[in-house]
Amino acid sequence: MQPHSRLWTSLAAVAALAAQVQGLGKVSRTGKYLFNEDGSRFYIKGVAYQPQGEIDSTSGFVEPTSFTDPLADSSACSRDLPYLKDLGVNVVHVYSVNSSLSHDACMSALSGAGIYTIIDLTLPVNGSIDRSAPQWTTSLLDQYLTTIDAFEKYDNVLAYGVGNEVIIGADGTFVAPYIKAGARDVRAYLNSIKSSALVAYSAVDGDTWIYDLAQYLNCDPAGGNDASTSIDLYGLNNYELCGNETFDQAYQGKTNEFANRLDVAAYFSEYGCVKVSPRPWADVAALFSDEATAVWSGGVAFSYFPAFSTDGQFGMVNVTDSTVTTGQDYDNLKTAYAAAKPQNSPTQSSAPSASYESCPSSSGTWLASNSLPPTPNDAACSCLDSVVSCLFTPKVDNTSAIVGELFNTACQLLGGQGSNCDAISSNGTTGTYGAVSGCDADTMLSFVMTQWYELSGRNPEACSFAGNGTLNQQASTTASGVDAAASSCLASATGASTPAAPTAAQGSSSSSGSGSQSSSGSGSGSSGSNDSSSAARMGEASFGAAGVVLMVFISVVGGAITLA
């Protein structure tokens, strides 16, 4: 390996060069293929571009607990851009970004170099759908939309990712409705702001359930051949081809199966087996062969920066301050990308339109309902905050340290009196979503604390919760008045709708997070009523699913509900 001096001394020079060229053309999708503006096929020759954050290696599934936003570091972009260009990439995949920072310099420089971006909307730990106890809430949706708003001014956003390896096994497929709801709401928002960016998801490789997931993310649950709940771009993180294997040896069977299940564009969102080192990147020739390109539109090699995994050490360069040292993996990928000349077939004018067919049937390996969570409604949840009689007012700044215990306490108290926490619960297998389950953790907690306060005959001590509850002086003075006001607030928070842009006070994506979750498991929320008028009632009878509800809340501290 040879160290290289910085080829450009400042990003100002890069930006100046970028200003001299036309903006990047729009990439669009027709059916299962991507196309340039001239109607020729667009293929992703990409690389994963994000320094690895701190790793939680205790979970058995190596995932980051923090991140560094590479698109907010202008000096690092200036340092790396010549090497990205030399590598021959046209796409970089970034897993987590901080929407409160400026990305102007890096995005402009990448655009000037002809490089698109795939931007994941998720963050590590609490900024993504939790695979053990999923929720689709206002805080998570606002985080997604705030990131979109921060990047929509750039001409080189190819796609926004709504998740990365959220489901890692057949027993976790009950999470799929929450992913699909995220795709639905992001798509609706992008349409409302007239964005051309695609909606993407990156899936872990696995057994036969991965084909059901692909079909599910592409299907129309209503059976009307409608695209409103579908993704545009399906990514598969695949490391099967090692050494100098061929397409037939590694990809043929899987490609044939995906051809029958997918009618949207697909690519390898990660690839590059490290069992043979240095990597010869024979997978590039296989992935861009005529056989593969009938289904796949390229892929993203993993990873530009060093990255540790259970399979070994990835990375094509080492960085010391302003100096980049390339390795043999880098040189081999550069050669492979230069040699890849995929077919320009079909052209956009001859490509079949997409169809959105029926969803997969439930089975022992497919646990997802075709009923999706409703669109989280900020206005409804804010209204609810104003009318409940007992407000969650924590005594500590780090609410994640106490919120799980408070949920458990409130739900146990309600259960002991024949009531329940169904209104804040959800279940992706049965397709039942409580009327308050789309609100953030604070609102949900205020709601169940209010349930207990009203059930206790409005005893002021019942609102204390160890000093973390306060009576709302603006609320109705009667239980029936609070109940009526809450039901009125939630009347509009049903079904799917186009999300409104988050207000400035809601969700800057500055907390640590990633597209992958930090815990794994197979539990789900308790069954609950989909009817907002009944589920919102204070002190409702029946706590039949208490055990399942409490299983969800026991894991809240790990991020099941604290997504803000």
Protein backbone atom coordinates (compact mmCIF):
# COMPACT_ATOMS: atom_id res chain seq x y z
CA MET A 1 0.00 0.00 0.00
CA GLN A 2 1.13 3.53 -0.70
CA PRO A 3 0.08 6.67 1.19
CA HIS A 4 -1.32 9.42 -1.00
CA SER A 5 -1.08 13.12 -0.31
CA ARG A 6 -4.23 15.15 -0.53
CA LEU A 7 -5.03 15.77 -4.16
CA TRP A 8 -7.08 18.85 -3.44
CA THR A 9 -6.27 21.16 -0.61
CA SER A 10 -9.72 22.58 0.00
CA LEU A 11 -13.32 21.83 -0.74
CA ALA A 12 -13.62 25.29 -2.21
CA ALA A 13 -11.72 24.04 -5.25
CA VAL A 14 -14.11 21.11 -5.55
CA ALA A 15 -17.14 23.35 -5.22
CA ALA A 16 -15.76 25.67 -7.86
CA LEU A 17 -15.36 22.74 -10.23
CA ALA A 18 -18.88 21.57 -9.42
CA ALA A 19 -20.29 24.98 -10.27
CA GLN A 20 -18.87 24.72 -13.79
CA VAL A 21 -20.89 21.66 -14.71
CA GLN A 22 -24.57 20.99 -15.15
CA GLY A 23 -26.50 19.56 -12.22
CA LEU A 24 -26.99 15.82 -12.12
CA GLY A 25 -29.84 14.46 -14.17
CA LYS A 26 -32.84 12.86 -12.52
CA VAL A 27 -32.82 9.08 -12.16
CA SER A 28 -36.29 7.54 -12.34
CA ARG A 29 -37.85 4.11 -12.10
CA THR A 30 -40.07 2.36 -14.61
CA GLY A 31 -41.17 -1.06 -13.44
CA LYS A 32 -38.18 -2.95 -12.10
CA TYR A 33 -35.47 -0.81 -13.70
CA LEU A 34 -33.74 2.54 -13.12
CA PHE A 35 -33.22 4.98 -15.97
CA ASN A 36 -31.25 8.10 -16.82
CA GLU A 37 -33.03 11.10 -18.29
CA ASP A 38 -32.12 9.96 -21.82
CA GLY A 39 -33.96 6.66 -21.29
CA SER A 40 -30.86 4.51 -20.90
CA ARG A 41 -30.51 2.19 -17.93
CA PHE A 42 -28.91 3.50 -14.77
CA TYR A 43 -26.76 1.11 -12.77
CA ILE A 44 -25.52 1.69 -9.23
CA LYS A 45 -21.74 1.41 -9.01
CA GLY A 46 -21.59 2.31 -5.37
CA VAL A 47 -19.63 2.19 -2.16
CA ALA A 48 -20.74 2.40 1.48
CA TYR A 49 -19.40 5.70 2.80
CA GLN A 50 -19.60 6.13 6.57
CA PRO A 51 -16.99 5.73 9.32
CA GLN A 52 -18.07 3.00 11.70
CA GLY A 53 -19.46 4.23 15.01
CA GLU A 54 -19.14 2.63 18.41
CA ILE A 55 -20.13 -1.03 18.27
CA ASP A 56 -22.42 -2.99 20.55
CA SER A 57 -20.88 -6.45 20.19
CA THR A 58 -22.81 -7.94 23.12
CA SER A 59 -26.07 -8.38 21.23
CA GLY A 60 -24.73 -11.11 18.94
CA PHE A 61 -25.53 -8.88 15.96
CA VAL A 62 -22.81 -6.26 15.51
CA GLU A 63 -24.42 -2.83 15.12
CA PRO A 64 -23.39 0.75 15.84
CA THR A 65 -24.60 2.73 18.83
CA SER A 66 -23.29 6.07 17.51
CA PHE A 67 -22.35 7.62 14.19
CA THR A 68 -20.28 10.28 12.44
CA ASP A 69 -22.06 12.13 9.65
CA PRO A 70 -19.60 12.00 6.72
CA LEU A 71 -21.58 14.50 4.64
CA ALA A 72 -21.25 17.23 7.29
CA ASP A 73 -17.44 17.14 7.35
CA SER A 74 -16.23 19.34 4.50
CA SER A 75 -12.54 18.64 5.06
CA ALA A 76 -13.13 14.87 5.01
CA CYS A 77 -15.15 15.21 1.79
CA SER A 78 -12.32 17.21 0.25
CA ARG A 79 -9.89 14.50 1.32
CA ASP A 80 -11.98 11.57 0.05
CA LEU A 81 -13.61 12.87 -3.11
CA PRO A 82 -10.61 12.29 -5.43
CA TYR A 83 -10.48 8.68 -4.28
CA LEU A 84 -14.20 8.16 -4.77
CA LYS A 85 -13.91 9.53 -8.29
CA ASP A 86 -10.85 7.41 -8.99
CA LEU A 87 -12.68 4.34 -7.70
CA GLY A 88 -15.31 4.89 -10.40
CA VAL A 89 -18.39 5.07 -8.17
CA ASN A 90 -21.57 6.93 -9.06
CA VAL A 91 -23.40 6.35 -5.74
CA VAL A 92 -22.44 6.50 -2.07
CA HIS A 93 -24.67 5.01 0.61
CA VAL A 94 -24.75 6.89 3.92
CA TYR A 95 -26.45 5.13 6.82
CA SER A 96 -27.09 8.01 9.23
CA VAL A 97 -26.98 11.80 8.96
CA ASN A 98 -27.53 14.71 11.32
CA SER A 99 -30.22 16.87 9.77
CA SER A 100 -29.35 19.87 11.97
CA LEU A 101 -25.92 20.28 10.31
CA SER A 102 -25.03 21.74 6.92
CA HIS A 103 -24.32 19.31 4.10
CA ASP A 104 -24.00 21.92 1.35
CA ALA A 105 -20.29 21.60 0.67
CA CYS A 106 -20.14 17.80 0.52
CA MET A 107 -23.36 17.36 -1.46
CA SER A 108 -22.30 20.03 -3.96
CA ALA A 109 -18.89 18.43 -4.39
CA LEU A 110 -20.37 14.97 -4.86
CA SER A 111 -22.83 16.33 -7.40
CA GLY A 112 -20.03 18.00 -9.32
CA ALA A 113 -18.25 14.65 -9.40
CA GLY A 114 -21.32 12.88 -10.79
CA ILE A 115 -22.02 10.98 -7.56
CA TYR A 116 -25.54 10.37 -6.24
CA THR A 117 -26.40 9.55 -2.63
CA ILE A 118 -28.66 7.03 -0.93
CA ILE A 119 -29.54 8.62 2.42
CA ASP A 120 -30.95 6.44 5.18
CA LEU A 121 -33.48 8.28 7.36
CA THR A 122 -32.77 6.17 10.43
CA LEU A 123 -30.43 6.68 13.39
CA PRO A 124 -28.88 4.21 15.82
CA VAL A 125 -30.70 2.85 18.88
CA ASN A 126 -33.78 5.07 19.31
CA GLY A 127 -33.99 6.52 15.81
CA SER A 128 -35.27 3.47 13.96
CA ILE A 129 -38.02 0.86 14.15
CA ASP A 130 -37.20 -1.48 17.02
CA ARG A 131 -37.26 -5.05 15.82
CA SER A 132 -38.29 -6.52 19.17
CA ALA A 133 -41.21 -4.18 19.97
CA PRO A 134 -41.95 -2.04 16.91
CA GLN A 135 -43.90 1.21 16.85
CA TRP A 136 -44.56 3.72 14.09
CA THR A 137 -44.83 7.04 15.90
CA THR A 138 -44.86 10.79 15.41
CA SER A 139 -41.29 11.12 16.72
CA LEU A 140 -39.90 8.64 14.21
CA LEU A 141 -41.91 9.99 11.27
CA ASP A 142 -40.88 13.56 12.14
CA GLN A 143 -37.24 12.48 12.24
CA TYR A 144 -37.59 10.96 8.76
CA LEU A 145 -39.31 14.03 7.33
CA THR A 146 -36.86 16.47 8.94
CA THR A 147 -34.02 14.62 7.22
CA ILE A 148 -35.85 14.72 3.89
CA ASP A 149 -36.38 18.47 4.29
CA ALA A 150 -32.66 18.94 4.96
CA PHE A 151 -31.64 17.09 1.77
CA GLU A 152 -34.38 17.89 -0.73
CA LYS A 153 -32.56 20.97 -2.06
CA TYR A 154 -29.78 18.80 -3.51
CA ASP A 155 -29.92 17.33 -7.01
CA ASN A 156 -28.04 14.13 -6.14
CA VAL A 157 -30.33 12.30 -3.72
CA LEU A 158 -31.16 9.07 -5.51
CA ALA A 159 -33.17 7.51 -2.69
CA TYR A 160 -34.13 7.72 0.96
CA GLY A 161 -33.88 4.51 2.97
CA VAL A 162 -36.62 3.72 5.49
CA GLY A 163 -34.71 0.90 7.16
CA ASN A 164 -31.68 -1.35 7.05
CA GLU A 165 -31.87 -4.96 8.25
CA VAL A 166 -34.77 -4.27 10.59
CA ILE A 167 -35.93 -7.88 10.20
CA ILE A 168 -33.18 -10.48 10.65
CA GLY A 169 -35.17 -13.72 10.79
CA ALA A 170 -38.53 -15.33 10.07
CA ASP A 171 -39.64 -14.86 13.68
CA GLY A 172 -39.29 -11.10 13.23
CA THR A 173 -41.45 -10.71 10.14
CA PHE A 174 -44.28 -9.26 12.28
CA VAL A 175 -42.30 -5.99 12.04
CA ALA A 176 -42.93 -5.71 8.28
CA PRO A 177 -46.20 -3.68 8.57
CA TYR A 178 -44.31 -0.92 10.39
CA ILE A 179 -41.63 -0.78 7.68
CA LYS A 180 -44.31 -0.68 4.99
CA ALA A 181 -46.19 2.07 6.85
CA GLY A 182 -42.94 4.05 6.93
CA ALA A 183 -42.51 3.60 3.18
CA ARG A 184 -46.13 4.62 2.59
CA ASP A 185 -45.85 7.83 4.61
CA VAL A 186 -42.44 8.80 3.21
CA ARG A 187 -43.74 8.23 -0.33
CA ALA A 188 -46.81 10.37 0.37
CA TYR A 189 -44.65 13.16 1.75
CA LEU A 190 -42.22 13.03 -1.20
CA ASN A 191 -45.15 13.22 -3.59
CA SER A 192 -46.56 16.20 -1.70
CA ILE A 193 -43.31 18.17 -2.06
CA LYS A 194 -42.87 17.01 -5.70
CA SER A 195 -39.63 15.15 -4.99
CA SER A 196 -38.25 12.67 -7.50
CA ALA A 197 -36.28 10.72 -4.88
CA LEU A 198 -37.00 7.01 -4.58
CA VAL A 199 -38.09 5.13 -1.45
CA ALA A 200 -35.68 2.33 -0.52
CA TYR A 201 -35.23 -0.47 1.99
CA SER A 202 -32.15 -2.63 2.63
CA ALA A 203 -32.77 -6.24 3.69
CA VAL A 204 -30.51 -8.75 5.35
CA ASP A 205 -29.98 -11.96 3.39
CA GLY A 206 -31.62 -15.08 4.78
CA ASP A 207 -33.88 -18.06 4.12
CA THR A 208 -37.11 -18.23 2.16
CA TRP A 209 -38.80 -15.50 4.25
CA ILE A 210 -36.71 -12.86 2.44
CA TYR A 211 -38.74 -13.48 -0.72
CA ASP A 212 -41.98 -12.90 1.19
CA LEU A 213 -40.52 -9.65 2.54
CA ALA A 214 -39.58 -8.49 -0.96
CA GLN A 215 -43.08 -9.27 -2.25
CA TYR A 216 -44.68 -7.61 0.79
CA LEU A 217 -42.79 -4.34 0.38
CA ASN A 218 -43.92 -4.33 -3.27
CA CYS A 219 -47.54 -5.43 -2.81
CA ASP A 220 -50.83 -3.56 -2.51
CA PRO A 221 -52.60 -4.74 0.68
CA ALA A 222 -55.91 -3.49 -0.70
CA GLY A 223 -55.55 -5.54 -3.88
CA GLY A 224 -56.02 -2.57 -6.17
CA ASN A 225 -52.65 -2.55 -7.99
CA ASP A 226 -51.79 0.72 -6.27
CA ALA A 227 -48.23 1.96 -5.60
CA SER A 228 -48.99 4.05 -2.52
CA THR A 229 -47.58 1.58 0.02
CA SER A 230 -44.74 0.20 -2.11
CA ILE A 231 -41.04 0.92 -2.04
CA ASP A 232 -39.23 1.85 -5.26
CA LEU A 233 -35.85 0.29 -4.58
CA TYR A 234 -35.26 -3.03 -2.83
CA GLY A 235 -31.76 -3.56 -1.47
CA LEU A 236 -30.28 -6.93 -0.51
CA ASN A 237 -27.19 -7.08 1.70
CA ASN A 238 -25.57 -10.13 0.13
CA TYR A 239 -22.11 -11.56 0.74
CA GLU A 240 -22.52 -14.98 -0.89
CA LEU A 241 -20.02 -14.66 -3.71
CA CYS A 242 -16.51 -15.16 -2.34
CA GLY A 243 -13.21 -15.22 -4.19
CA ASN A 244 -13.57 -15.97 -7.89
CA GLU A 245 -16.96 -17.67 -7.89
CA THR A 246 -19.31 -17.08 -10.82
CA PHE A 247 -22.86 -15.79 -11.15
CA ASP A 248 -24.21 -19.34 -11.53
CA GLN A 249 -22.44 -20.50 -8.38
CA ALA A 250 -23.56 -17.64 -6.16
CA TYR A 251 -26.58 -15.79 -7.50
CA GLN A 252 -28.57 -17.79 -10.06
CA GLY A 253 -31.20 -19.39 -7.81
CA LYS A 254 -31.73 -16.29 -5.70
CA THR A 255 -32.01 -14.05 -8.76
CA ASN A 256 -34.65 -16.30 -10.30
CA GLU A 257 -36.72 -16.25 -7.10
CA PHE A 258 -36.54 -12.46 -6.78
CA ALA A 259 -37.53 -12.13 -10.44
CA ASN A 260 -40.83 -13.82 -9.55
CA ARG A 261 -41.45 -11.77 -6.38
CA LEU A 262 -40.29 -8.22 -7.18
CA ASP A 263 -41.69 -5.72 -9.63
CA VAL A 264 -39.66 -2.74 -8.43
CA ALA A 265 -35.99 -1.94 -8.91
CA ALA A 266 -33.50 -4.03 -6.91
CA TYR A 267 -29.82 -3.81 -6.13
CA PHE A 268 -27.24 -5.23 -3.76
CA SER A 269 -27.25 -2.64 -0.99
CA GLU A 270 -24.09 -4.27 0.41
CA TYR A 271 -21.72 -6.82 -1.08
CA GLY A 272 -18.08 -7.86 -0.85
CA CYS A 273 -17.24 -11.14 0.92
CA VAL A 274 -14.07 -10.87 3.06
CA LYS A 275 -13.43 -14.61 3.45
CA VAL A 276 -10.91 -14.28 0.61
CA SER A 277 -8.43 -11.44 1.07
CA PRO A 278 -7.59 -9.31 -0.77
CA ARG A 279 -10.98 -9.31 -2.40
CA PRO A 280 -10.82 -9.92 -6.17
CA TRP A 281 -14.33 -8.45 -6.60
CA ALA A 282 -15.48 -11.15 -9.00
CA ASP A 283 -18.95 -10.29 -7.72
CA VAL A 284 -18.84 -7.10 -9.81
CA ALA A 285 -18.59 -9.06 -13.07
CA ALA A 286 -21.35 -11.38 -11.87
CA LEU A 287 -23.63 -8.56 -10.70
CA PHE A 288 -23.30 -6.61 -13.96
CA SER A 289 -23.65 -9.67 -16.23
CA ASP A 290 -26.62 -10.01 -18.58
CA GLU A 291 -28.13 -12.73 -16.38
CA ALA A 292 -28.01 -10.55 -13.26
CA THR A 293 -29.07 -7.25 -14.80
CA ALA A 294 -32.43 -8.74 -15.77
CA VAL A 295 -33.23 -8.26 -12.05
CA TRP A 296 -30.45 -6.26 -10.36
CA SER A 297 -29.48 -2.65 -11.05
CA GLY A 298 -25.96 -2.80 -9.63
CA GLY A 299 -24.81 -2.62 -6.04
CA VAL A 300 -22.92 -0.90 -3.24
CA ALA A 301 -19.56 -2.35 -2.24
CA PHE A 302 -18.88 -2.44 1.49
CA SER A 303 -16.98 -0.43 2.75
CA TYR A 304 -14.80 2.58 1.88
CA PHE A 305 -13.82 3.04 5.54
CA PRO A 306 -12.57 0.23 7.80
CA ALA A 307 -15.46 -1.65 9.43
CA PHE A 308 -15.48 -4.56 11.83
CA SER A 309 -18.01 -7.39 11.56
CA THR A 310 -18.43 -10.94 12.78
CA ASP A 311 -17.15 -12.09 9.36
CA GLY A 312 -13.96 -10.07 9.55
CA GLN A 313 -12.52 -6.67 8.72
CA PHE A 314 -13.90 -4.65 5.83
CA GLY A 315 -12.51 -1.42 4.38
CA MET A 316 -10.66 -0.29 1.28
CA VAL A 317 -8.68 2.64 2.68
CA ASN A 318 -7.05 3.76 5.89
CA VAL A 319 -7.24 7.41 6.87
CA THR A 320 -4.76 9.27 9.06
CA ASP A 321 -5.64 12.92 9.47
CA SER A 322 -5.58 14.28 5.90
CA THR A 323 -3.81 11.30 4.34
CA VAL A 324 -5.60 8.43 2.59
CA THR A 325 -3.84 5.11 2.11
CA THR A 326 -5.51 2.80 -0.38
CA GLY A 327 -5.37 -0.99 -0.13
CA GLN A 328 -5.49 -3.82 -2.63
CA ASP A 329 -9.27 -4.10 -2.14
CA TYR A 330 -9.56 -0.53 -3.42
CA ASP A 331 -7.38 -1.18 -6.45
CA ASN A 332 -9.21 -4.40 -7.32
CA LEU A 333 -12.64 -2.75 -7.06
CA LYS A 334 -11.47 0.14 -9.22
CA THR A 335 -10.40 -2.33 -11.91
CA ALA A 336 -13.64 -4.30 -11.62
CA TYR A 337 -15.89 -1.23 -11.87
CA ALA A 338 -13.95 0.07 -14.88
CA ALA A 339 -14.44 -3.27 -16.64
CA ALA A 340 -18.18 -3.51 -15.88
CA LYS A 341 -20.18 -2.68 -19.02
CA PRO A 342 -23.75 -3.76 -18.29
CA GLN A 343 -26.34 -4.04 -21.04
CA ASN A 344 -28.58 -1.12 -21.92
CA SER A 345 -31.70 -3.24 -22.02
CA PRO A 346 -34.52 -2.67 -21.75
CA THR A 347 -34.68 1.00 -22.58
CA GLN A 348 -37.19 3.07 -20.65
CA SER A 349 -39.60 3.25 -23.58
CA SER A 350 -39.77 -0.55 -23.79
CA ALA A 351 -39.74 -1.38 -20.07
CA PRO A 352 -42.97 -2.87 -18.68
CA SER A 353 -44.79 -0.79 -16.09
CA ALA A 354 -44.78 -1.96 -12.50
CA SER A 355 -47.62 -3.95 -11.01
CA TYR A 356 -48.46 -4.12 -7.31
CA GLU A 357 -50.01 -7.49 -6.75
CA SER A 358 -51.38 -9.37 -3.76
CA CYS A 359 -49.40 -9.66 -0.53
CA PRO A 360 -47.96 -12.98 0.68
CA SER A 361 -50.22 -15.19 2.79
CA SER A 362 -49.53 -15.70 6.48
CA SER A 363 -47.52 -18.80 7.33
CA GLY A 364 -45.15 -20.17 9.92
CA THR A 365 -42.37 -18.09 8.41
CA TRP A 366 -44.41 -15.02 7.44
CA LEU A 367 -46.12 -13.30 10.37
CA ALA A 368 -47.11 -9.91 8.90
CA SER A 369 -50.65 -8.59 8.68
CA ASN A 370 -51.82 -6.76 5.57
CA SER A 371 -53.30 -4.11 7.87
CA LEU A 372 -50.78 -1.29 8.40
CA PRO A 373 -50.35 1.18 11.26
CA PRO A 374 -52.07 4.51 10.62
CA THR A 375 -50.08 7.59 9.66
CA PRO A 376 -48.80 9.19 12.90
CA ASN A 377 -50.66 12.45 13.42
CA ASP A 378 -48.79 15.28 15.17
CA ALA A 379 -51.89 17.46 15.44
CA ALA A 380 -53.96 14.72 17.07
CA CYS A 381 -51.21 13.84 19.54
CA SER A 382 -50.59 17.50 20.42
CA CYS A 383 -54.32 17.92 20.95
CA LEU A 384 -54.31 14.89 23.26
CA ASP A 385 -51.46 16.39 25.28
CA SER A 386 -53.61 19.45 25.93
CA VAL A 387 -56.70 17.59 27.18
CA VAL A 388 -55.43 14.70 29.33
CA SER A 389 -55.81 15.31 33.04
CA CYS A 390 -52.42 13.91 34.13
CA LEU A 391 -49.24 14.97 32.29
CA PHE A 392 -45.92 13.17 32.21
CA THR A 393 -43.47 15.78 33.57
CA PRO A 394 -40.24 13.91 34.25
CA LYS A 395 -37.88 15.00 37.01
CA VAL A 396 -34.82 13.89 35.00
CA ASP A 397 -33.46 14.86 31.59
CA ASN A 398 -32.71 11.28 30.55
CA THR A 399 -36.29 10.02 30.34
CA SER A 400 -35.24 6.74 28.72
CA ALA A 401 -33.93 5.70 32.14
CA ILE A 402 -37.39 5.90 33.74
CA VAL A 403 -40.04 5.66 31.05
CA GLY A 404 -40.03 1.85 30.85
CA GLU A 405 -40.62 1.47 34.57
CA LEU A 406 -43.38 4.08 34.48
CA PHE A 407 -45.16 2.31 31.63
CA ASN A 408 -44.97 -0.97 33.50
CA THR A 409 -46.24 0.63 36.71
CA ALA A 410 -49.18 2.33 35.00
CA CYS A 411 -50.22 -0.74 33.03
CA GLN A 412 -49.91 -3.03 36.05
CA LEU A 413 -52.09 -0.66 38.09
CA LEU A 414 -54.69 -0.51 35.32
CA GLY A 415 -54.64 -4.27 34.90
CA GLY A 416 -55.22 -4.78 38.59
CA GLN A 417 -58.45 -2.81 38.28
CA GLY A 418 -59.72 -4.55 35.14
CA SER A 419 -58.59 -1.89 32.71
CA ASN A 420 -55.88 -2.07 30.02
CA CYS A 421 -53.16 -0.38 27.97
CA ASP A 422 -54.60 -1.41 24.60
CA ALA A 423 -54.78 2.20 23.39
CA ILE A 424 -50.99 2.51 23.30
CA SER A 425 -50.29 -1.04 22.07
CA SER A 426 -49.94 -2.45 18.58
CA ASN A 427 -49.50 -5.82 16.93
CA GLY A 428 -48.11 -6.34 13.43
CA THR A 429 -49.35 -9.93 13.21
CA THR A 430 -52.99 -9.27 14.01
CA GLY A 431 -52.95 -5.83 12.42
CA THR A 432 -54.40 -4.10 15.49
CA TYR A 433 -53.09 -0.67 16.42
CA GLY A 434 -54.25 1.28 19.48
CA ALA A 435 -55.59 4.77 18.97
CA VAL A 436 -52.65 6.37 20.81
CA SER A 437 -49.94 3.97 19.53
CA GLY A 438 -48.82 6.45 16.89
CA CYS A 439 -47.98 9.19 19.41
CA ASP A 440 -44.57 9.64 20.99
CA ALA A 441 -43.62 8.08 24.32
CA ASP A 442 -44.38 11.18 26.40
CA THR A 443 -47.92 11.43 25.04
CA MET A 444 -48.55 7.70 25.47
CA LEU A 445 -47.34 7.89 29.05
CA SER A 446 -49.52 10.92 29.81
CA PHE A 447 -52.47 8.99 28.41
CA VAL A 448 -52.04 5.87 30.60
CA MET A 449 -51.25 8.00 33.67
CA THR A 450 -54.52 9.84 33.00
CA GLN A 451 -56.33 6.51 32.72
CA TRP A 452 -55.11 5.57 36.20
CA TYR A 453 -55.87 9.00 37.67
CA GLU A 454 -59.45 8.90 36.38
CA LEU A 455 -59.93 5.26 37.42
CA SER A 456 -58.73 6.20 40.93
CA GLY A 457 -61.51 8.72 41.39
CA ARG A 458 -59.27 11.70 40.59
CA ASN A 459 -57.15 11.24 43.67
CA PRO A 460 -54.26 13.73 43.18
CA GLU A 461 -51.77 11.16 44.48
CA ALA A 462 -52.75 8.86 41.59
CA CYS A 463 -51.14 11.34 39.18
CA SER A 464 -47.82 11.54 41.02
CA PHE A 465 -45.97 8.49 39.72
CA ALA A 466 -43.00 9.18 42.00
CA GLY A 467 -43.10 12.88 41.19
CA ASN A 468 -43.11 12.40 37.41
CA GLY A 469 -46.75 13.36 36.89
CA THR A 470 -48.50 16.73 37.16
CA LEU A 471 -52.20 17.58 37.03
CA ASN A 472 -53.20 19.45 33.89
CA GLN A 473 -55.02 22.55 35.11
CA GLN A 474 -56.43 23.14 31.61
CA ALA A 475 -58.16 19.75 31.38
CA SER A 476 -61.85 19.13 31.91
CA THR A 477 -62.95 18.82 35.53
CA THR A 478 -64.84 15.57 34.85
CA ALA A 479 -63.76 12.15 33.64
CA SER A 480 -66.46 12.17 30.97
CA GLY A 481 -65.24 15.56 29.75
CA VAL A 482 -61.64 14.33 29.49
CA ASP A 483 -62.84 11.20 27.71
CA ALA A 484 -64.88 13.20 25.19
CA ALA A 485 -62.03 15.61 24.53
CA ALA A 486 -59.53 12.77 24.02
CA SER A 487 -61.87 10.95 21.63
CA SER A 488 -62.37 14.18 19.67
CA CYS A 489 -58.61 14.70 19.36
CA LEU A 490 -58.08 11.17 18.05
CA ALA A 491 -61.03 11.09 15.67
CA SER A 492 -58.85 12.14 12.73
CA ALA A 493 -55.87 9.94 13.65
CA THR A 494 -56.99 6.87 11.72
CA GLY A 495 -55.93 5.33 8.44
CA ALA A 496 -53.37 6.68 6.00
CA SER A 497 -52.90 10.35 5.17
CA THR A 498 -50.26 12.66 3.74
CA PRO A 499 -48.00 13.73 6.62
CA ALA A 500 -47.53 17.41 7.32
CA ALA A 501 -44.03 18.87 7.47
CA PRO A 502 -42.65 18.73 11.02
CA THR A 503 -42.52 22.01 12.91
CA ALA A 504 -39.15 23.43 13.92
CA ALA A 505 -39.61 22.10 17.44
CA GLN A 506 -40.00 18.55 16.25
CA GLY A 507 -37.17 16.10 15.66
CA SER A 508 -33.84 17.34 14.41
CA SER A 509 -31.95 14.16 13.66
CA SER A 510 -29.04 15.01 15.88
CA SER A 511 -29.19 12.06 18.22
CA SER A 512 -27.10 8.96 17.66
CA GLY A 513 -28.67 6.21 15.55
CA SER A 514 -28.52 3.88 12.53
CA GLY A 515 -30.64 2.00 10.08
CA SER A 516 -30.16 -1.12 12.13
CA GLN A 517 -31.58 -1.61 15.57
CA SER A 518 -29.53 -2.35 18.65
CA SER A 519 -31.60 -5.18 20.03
CA SER A 520 -33.22 -8.26 18.59
CA GLY A 521 -36.16 -10.37 19.63
CA SER A 522 -39.46 -11.84 18.58
CA GLY A 523 -42.07 -10.29 20.84
CA SER A 524 -44.84 -8.03 19.64
CA GLY A 525 -47.30 -5.59 21.07
CA SER A 526 -50.54 -6.75 22.58
CA SER A 527 -53.70 -6.92 20.59
CA GLY A 528 -55.84 -3.83 20.89
CA SER A 529 -58.77 -2.08 19.35
CA ASN A 530 -58.48 -0.26 16.05
CA ASP A 531 -61.49 1.83 16.97
CA SER A 532 -60.26 5.19 18.19
CA SER A 533 -63.44 6.12 20.00
CA SER A 534 -63.42 3.00 22.19
CA ALA A 535 -59.67 2.58 22.57
CA ALA A 536 -59.32 6.15 23.79
CA ARG A 537 -61.77 5.79 26.63
CA MET A 538 -60.37 6.44 30.09
CA GLY A 539 -60.58 3.44 32.42
CA GLU A 540 -61.96 1.05 29.78
CA ALA A 541 -62.68 -2.44 31.08
CA SER A 542 -60.83 -5.67 30.17
CA PHE A 543 -57.12 -6.30 30.52
CA GLY A 544 -57.02 -9.68 28.84
CA ALA A 545 -53.71 -9.08 27.06
CA ALA A 546 -51.88 -7.62 30.03
CA GLY A 547 -49.04 -10.11 29.88
CA VAL A 548 -48.21 -9.28 26.28
CA VAL A 549 -48.54 -5.54 26.89
CA LEU A 550 -46.09 -5.71 29.77
CA MET A 551 -43.63 -7.72 27.68
CA VAL A 552 -43.48 -4.75 25.33
CA PHE A 553 -42.97 -2.21 28.08
CA ILE A 554 -40.25 -4.21 29.81
CA SER A 555 -38.13 -3.57 26.73
CA VAL A 556 -39.01 0.12 26.43
CA VAL A 557 -35.77 1.27 28.03
CA GLY A 558 -33.97 -0.39 25.13
CA GLY A 559 -35.80 1.86 22.71
CA ALA A 560 -39.10 0.14 21.91
CA ILE A 561 -41.09 3.32 22.43
CA THR A 562 -38.54 6.04 23.21
CA LEU A 563 -37.87 6.89 19.58
CA ALA A 564 -37.42 10.62 20.07
